[in-house]
């Protein structure tokens, strides 16, 4: 794998790819990402992120 953050390659490619918004509510968000299987990231796969706030309001 090529180095992609300073001299390290362990950070993957998810920070440079567009995430899909699966859930967008007043106090919660859920994102998903299909990872490529190519020279940048030979493993493929998927990733999910969830975030929420305990008080209603804008989730940012």
C-alpha atoms as a PDB file:
ATOM      1  CA  UNK A   1       0.000   0.000   0.000  1.00  0.00           C
ATOM      2  CA  UNK A   2       1.258   3.469  -0.756  1.00  0.00           C
ATOM      3  CA  UNK A   3       1.946   5.859   2.093  1.00  0.00           C
ATOM      4  CA  UNK A   4      -1.031   8.212   2.308  1.00  0.00           C
ATOM      5  CA  UNK A   5      -0.506  10.217   5.479  1.00  0.00           C
ATOM      6  CA  UNK A   6       3.043  11.283   6.028  1.00  0.00           C
ATOM      7  CA  UNK A   7       5.085   8.111   5.998  1.00  0.00           C
ATOM      8  CA  UNK A   8       2.189   5.842   7.014  1.00  0.00           C
ATOM      9  CA  UNK A   9      -0.205   3.709   4.994  1.00  0.00           C
ATOM     10  CA  UNK A  10      -2.286   2.377   7.894  1.00  0.00           C
ATOM     11  CA  UNK A  11      -4.920   5.107   7.712  1.00  0.00           C
ATOM     12  CA  UNK A  12      -6.771   3.639   4.734  1.00  0.00           C
ATOM     13  CA  UNK A  13      -8.728   5.673   2.182  1.00  0.00           C
ATOM     14  CA  UNK A  14     -12.013   6.462   3.926  1.00  0.00           C
ATOM     15  CA  UNK A  15     -11.088  10.066   4.656  1.00  0.00           C
ATOM     16  CA  UNK A  16     -10.881  10.812   0.905  1.00  0.00           C
ATOM     17  CA  UNK A  17     -14.041   9.025  -0.262  1.00  0.00           C
ATOM     18  CA  UNK A  18     -17.639  10.276  -0.191  1.00  0.00           C
ATOM     19  CA  UNK A  19     -19.787   8.782   2.564  1.00  0.00           C
ATOM     20  CA  UNK A  20     -23.509   8.058   2.078  1.00  0.00           C
ATOM     21  CA  UNK A  21     -25.945   9.538   4.592  1.00  0.00           C
ATOM     22  CA  UNK A  22     -28.181   6.646   5.667  1.00  0.00           C
ATOM     23  CA  UNK A  23     -29.982   8.365   8.572  1.00  0.00           C
ATOM     24  CA  UNK A  24     -30.276  12.097   9.205  1.00  0.00           C
ATOM     25  CA  UNK A  25     -32.468  13.044  12.150  1.00  0.00           C
ATOM     26  CA  UNK A  26     -32.549  15.946  14.570  1.00  0.00           C
ATOM     27  CA  UNK A  27     -30.374  14.091  17.067  1.00  0.00           C
ATOM     28  CA  UNK A  28     -28.731  11.286  15.092  1.00  0.00           C
ATOM     29  CA  UNK A  29     -26.774  10.581  11.945  1.00  0.00           C
ATOM     30  CA  UNK A  30     -25.587   7.350  10.344  1.00  0.00           C
ATOM     31  CA  UNK A  31     -23.097   7.181   7.478  1.00  0.00           C
ATOM     32  CA  UNK A  32     -21.906   4.286   5.324  1.00  0.00           C
ATOM     33  CA  UNK A  33     -19.040   3.762   2.902  1.00  0.00           C
ATOM     34  CA  UNK A  34     -18.233   1.019   0.428  1.00  0.00           C
ATOM     35  CA  UNK A  35     -14.466   0.655   0.360  1.00  0.00           C
ATOM     36  CA  UNK A  36     -12.731   0.038  -2.959  1.00  0.00           C
ATOM     37  CA  UNK A  37     -10.697  -3.026  -3.735  1.00  0.00           C
ATOM     38  CA  UNK A  38      -7.894  -1.496  -5.770  1.00  0.00           C
ATOM     39  CA  UNK A  39      -4.272  -0.394  -5.427  1.00  0.00           C
ATOM     40  CA  UNK A  40      -5.263   2.248  -2.832  1.00  0.00           C
ATOM     41  CA  UNK A  41      -7.011  -0.262  -0.550  1.00  0.00           C
ATOM     42  CA  UNK A  42      -6.689  -3.900  -1.668  1.00  0.00           C
ATOM     43  CA  UNK A  43      -9.073  -5.272   0.977  1.00  0.00           C
ATOM     44  CA  UNK A  44     -12.461  -3.877  -0.078  1.00  0.00           C
ATOM     45  CA  UNK A  45     -15.223  -3.947   2.526  1.00  0.00           C
ATOM     46  CA  UNK A  46     -17.544  -1.418   4.079  1.00  0.00           C
ATOM     47  CA  UNK A  47     -17.615   0.996   7.002  1.00  0.00           C
ATOM     48  CA  UNK A  48     -20.371   2.569   9.111  1.00  0.00           C
ATOM     49  CA  UNK A  49     -20.340   5.551  11.448  1.00  0.00           C
ATOM     50  CA  UNK A  50     -23.091   6.499  13.874  1.00  0.00           C
ATOM     51  CA  UNK A  51     -23.398   9.647  15.910  1.00  0.00           C
ATOM     52  CA  UNK A  52     -26.064  11.049  18.211  1.00  0.00           C
ATOM     53  CA  UNK A  53     -26.745  13.839  20.661  1.00  0.00           C
ATOM     54  CA  UNK A  54     -28.565  13.336  23.923  1.00  0.00           C
ATOM     55  CA  UNK A  55     -30.398  16.666  23.624  1.00  0.00           C
ATOM     56  CA  UNK A  56     -32.534  17.492  20.575  1.00  0.00           C
ATOM     57  CA  UNK A  57     -30.925  19.938  18.185  1.00  0.00           C
ATOM     58  CA  UNK A  58     -28.756  20.120  15.157  1.00  0.00           C
ATOM     59  CA  UNK A  59     -26.371  17.213  14.787  1.00  0.00           C
ATOM     60  CA  UNK A  60     -23.145  18.507  13.287  1.00  0.00           C
END
